[in-house]
């Protein structure tokens, strides 16, 4: 049953920043870069202002990275193009969460390159 009244969402830029930076867990631990932001987004999207937009951008970006990584694997056999692609993906997956965490702290919406729209 949906409620018909407007629920105020709290501003929490710190949680938005943490959600973006949680993507870096994959670089340091090998996993968690998709799961942790997904959990934060799923539990806080109705409580924190702009969490829905930030969470969707993060999930789309992380799923896109997985798809592009899978595409790069067979391309390794084609003159090593897959290795170049994987290195580029590593760079993008490290830099853009940091850039968008800074944007989140300034109350700006995130922009991730090459993101496919899985969640809208």
Protein backbone atom coordinates (compact mmCIF):
# COMPACT_ATOMS: atom_id res chain seq x y z
CA UNK A 1 0.00 0.00 0.00
CA UNK A 2 1.49 3.33 -1.07
CA UNK A 3 1.16 6.36 1.12
CA UNK A 4 -0.29 9.51 -0.36
CA UNK A 5 1.75 11.95 1.66
CA UNK A 6 5.08 13.47 0.77
CA UNK A 7 7.99 12.03 2.70
CA UNK A 8 10.92 14.34 3.29
CA UNK A 9 14.27 12.90 2.37
CA UNK A 10 17.35 13.93 4.26
CA UNK A 11 20.42 15.40 2.59
CA UNK A 12 23.40 13.18 3.15
CA UNK A 13 26.26 14.09 0.85
CA UNK A 14 28.65 12.00 2.93
CA UNK A 15 26.68 8.83 2.21
CA UNK A 16 26.57 9.71 -1.49
CA UNK A 17 30.36 10.14 -1.49
CA UNK A 18 30.83 6.84 0.35
CA UNK A 19 28.58 5.10 -2.15
CA UNK A 20 30.73 6.32 -5.06
CA UNK A 21 34.00 5.47 -3.30
CA UNK A 22 32.71 2.00 -2.36
CA UNK A 23 33.24 1.08 -6.02
CA UNK A 24 36.97 1.18 -5.34
CA UNK A 25 36.62 -1.92 -3.16
CA UNK A 26 37.11 -4.01 -6.29
CA UNK A 27 40.52 -2.43 -6.87
CA UNK A 28 41.66 -3.15 -3.31
CA UNK A 29 39.86 -6.37 -2.36
CA UNK A 30 38.87 -7.91 -5.70
CA UNK A 31 35.14 -7.74 -5.00
CA UNK A 32 32.49 -5.50 -3.48
CA UNK A 33 32.54 -2.68 -6.01
CA UNK A 34 29.07 -3.60 -7.22
CA UNK A 35 27.57 -5.26 -4.14
CA UNK A 36 28.25 -2.55 -1.53
CA UNK A 37 26.87 0.37 -3.60
CA UNK A 38 23.91 -1.82 -4.58
CA UNK A 39 23.09 -2.49 -0.91
CA UNK A 40 23.49 1.18 0.04
CA UNK A 41 21.32 2.30 -2.89
CA UNK A 42 18.61 -0.31 -2.25
CA UNK A 43 18.32 0.55 1.44
CA UNK A 44 18.68 4.33 1.23
CA UNK A 45 17.08 5.40 -2.08
CA UNK A 46 13.83 6.36 -0.39
CA UNK A 47 15.50 8.06 2.56
CA UNK A 48 18.36 10.13 1.10
CA UNK A 49 17.89 12.93 -1.41
CA UNK A 50 19.42 12.13 -4.84
CA UNK A 51 20.45 8.61 -3.74
CA UNK A 52 18.23 7.07 -6.40
CA UNK A 53 19.94 8.96 -9.24
CA UNK A 54 23.45 8.35 -7.87
CA UNK A 55 22.76 4.69 -7.14
CA UNK A 56 21.35 4.02 -10.61
CA UNK A 57 24.37 5.70 -12.22
CA UNK A 58 26.74 3.59 -10.13
CA UNK A 59 24.93 0.31 -10.81
CA UNK A 60 24.75 1.04 -14.55
CA UNK A 61 28.47 1.91 -14.58
CA UNK A 62 29.51 -1.23 -12.69
CA UNK A 63 27.36 -3.52 -14.86
CA UNK A 64 28.75 -1.81 -17.97
CA UNK A 65 32.31 -2.45 -16.78
CA UNK A 66 31.49 -6.13 -16.37
CA UNK A 67 30.06 -6.32 -19.91
CA UNK A 68 33.06 -4.50 -21.40
CA UNK A 69 35.47 -6.74 -19.50
CA UNK A 70 33.76 -9.84 -20.87
CA UNK A 71 34.03 -8.38 -24.38
CA UNK A 72 37.75 -7.66 -23.89
CA UNK A 73 38.64 -11.23 -22.94
CA UNK A 74 38.33 -12.77 -26.44
CA UNK A 75 39.90 -9.63 -27.93
CA UNK A 76 43.16 -10.53 -26.17
CA UNK A 77 43.72 -13.04 -28.96
CA UNK A 78 43.32 -10.28 -31.57
CA UNK A 79 46.71 -8.55 -31.42
CA UNK A 80 46.36 -7.94 -27.70
CA UNK A 81 43.57 -5.38 -28.12
CA UNK A 82 41.78 -6.94 -25.17
CA UNK A 83 44.71 -6.11 -22.89
CA UNK A 84 44.58 -2.47 -23.96
CA UNK A 85 40.84 -2.49 -23.36
CA UNK A 86 41.20 -4.04 -19.92
CA UNK A 87 43.87 -1.51 -18.94
CA UNK A 88 41.62 1.31 -20.10
CA UNK A 89 38.72 -0.14 -18.12
CA UNK A 90 40.93 -0.37 -15.01
CA UNK A 91 41.86 3.28 -15.37
CA UNK A 92 38.25 4.39 -15.94
CA UNK A 93 36.96 2.25 -13.05
CA UNK A 94 39.45 3.89 -10.68
CA UNK A 95 39.26 7.53 -11.78
CA UNK A 96 35.55 8.11 -12.36
CA UNK A 97 34.31 6.97 -8.93
CA UNK A 98 36.69 9.52 -7.41
CA UNK A 99 35.57 12.27 -9.80
CA UNK A 100 31.91 11.53 -9.11
CA UNK A 101 32.48 11.35 -5.35
CA UNK A 102 33.79 14.91 -5.57
CA UNK A 103 30.75 15.87 -7.65
CA UNK A 104 28.47 14.26 -5.06
CA UNK A 105 30.09 16.29 -2.30
CA UNK A 106 29.27 19.41 -4.33
CA UNK A 107 25.65 18.26 -4.85
CA UNK A 108 26.15 17.57 -8.56
CA UNK A 109 24.74 14.56 -10.37
CA UNK A 110 27.24 11.91 -11.51
CA UNK A 111 28.31 11.28 -15.09
CA UNK A 112 29.95 7.98 -15.90
CA UNK A 113 31.36 7.42 -19.41
CA UNK A 114 30.40 4.40 -21.50
CA UNK A 115 27.53 3.47 -19.16
CA UNK A 116 24.84 1.29 -20.60
CA UNK A 117 21.35 1.85 -19.22
CA UNK A 118 20.48 -1.33 -17.31
CA UNK A 119 18.56 0.36 -14.46
CA UNK A 120 16.44 3.37 -15.21
